[in-house]
Amino acid sequence: MTIMVKVSCNGNYKCPVSYKQGEREESFTLSGRGKSGPDERTIPFYHSADAMTLSVGPEEQDNGEEASG
């Protein structure tokens, strides 16, 4: 069994997304800035003994500036 989760961000906003399942782990930021439609990503989670963790947000305005730090 597979569970598919679609995450999207539209307009001049950005949203951090991270997920983990077993050894599979990824973090990225979706941003709709400069796109004609939403920035979308589909994330599959697989049936297994490993817990599935998905974190989305918080959404914030995307002014086109690079993150500092």
Protein backbone atom coordinates (compact mmCIF):
# COMPACT_ATOMS: atom_id res chain seq x y z
CA MET A 1 0.00 0.00 0.00
CA THR A 2 1.24 3.49 -0.85
CA ILE A 3 -0.09 6.78 0.48
CA MET A 4 0.53 9.79 -1.77
CA VAL A 5 0.57 13.31 -0.32
CA LYS A 6 0.59 16.34 -2.65
CA VAL A 7 1.97 19.59 -1.23
CA SER A 8 1.80 22.88 -3.14
CA CYS A 9 2.58 26.56 -2.68
CA ASN A 10 1.22 29.31 -4.91
CA GLY A 11 1.87 33.01 -5.52
CA ASN A 12 4.66 34.92 -3.80
CA TYR A 13 4.82 32.52 -0.87
CA LYS A 14 7.26 29.83 0.20
CA CYS A 15 6.81 26.89 2.51
CA PRO A 16 9.39 24.51 4.01
CA VAL A 17 8.61 20.80 3.75
CA SER A 18 10.43 17.86 5.31
CA TYR A 19 9.64 14.17 5.59
CA LYS A 20 11.15 11.01 6.94
CA GLN A 21 10.37 7.32 6.72
CA GLY A 22 13.07 4.92 7.82
CA GLU A 23 16.29 5.81 5.97
CA ARG A 24 14.41 8.04 3.50
CA GLU A 25 14.65 11.68 4.57
CA GLU A 26 14.33 14.92 2.58
CA SER A 27 13.88 18.64 3.22
CA PHE A 28 13.08 21.33 0.65
CA THR A 29 11.24 24.63 0.21
CA LEU A 30 8.36 25.05 -2.20
CA SER A 31 7.92 28.52 -3.72
CA GLY A 32 5.32 29.84 -6.13
CA ARG A 33 7.33 33.00 -6.80
CA GLY A 34 7.77 33.66 -10.52
CA LYS A 35 5.73 30.62 -11.59
CA SER A 36 2.52 30.68 -13.63
CA GLY A 37 1.03 28.00 -11.35
CA PRO A 38 1.74 26.43 -7.99
CA ASP A 39 5.02 24.72 -7.10
CA GLU A 40 3.92 21.14 -6.35
CA ARG A 41 5.53 17.97 -5.06
CA THR A 42 3.96 14.54 -4.58
CA ILE A 43 5.46 12.54 -1.73
CA PRO A 44 4.91 8.76 -1.51
CA PHE A 45 4.87 7.00 1.85
CA TYR A 46 5.09 3.20 1.79
CA HIS A 47 3.40 0.63 3.99
CA SER A 48 6.06 -0.58 6.42
CA ALA A 49 6.92 -0.84 10.09
CA ASP A 50 8.72 2.53 9.86
CA ALA A 51 6.74 5.54 11.07
CA MET A 52 5.95 8.24 8.53
CA THR A 53 6.63 11.86 9.50
CA LEU A 54 5.70 14.89 7.35
CA SER A 55 6.22 18.51 8.39
CA VAL A 56 4.83 21.41 6.32
CA GLY A 57 5.15 25.12 7.09
CA PRO A 58 4.95 27.70 8.26
CA GLU A 59 4.18 29.45 5.00
CA GLU A 60 5.72 32.90 4.60
CA GLN A 61 5.98 35.62 1.99
CA ASP A 62 8.70 35.03 -0.62
CA ASN A 63 10.40 38.31 -1.49
CA GLY A 64 13.02 36.58 -3.62
CA GLU A 65 15.75 36.99 -0.99
CA GLU A 66 18.14 34.18 -0.16
CA ALA A 67 18.02 32.87 3.39
CA SER A 68 20.86 34.08 5.57
CA GLY A 69 22.58 32.22 8.32
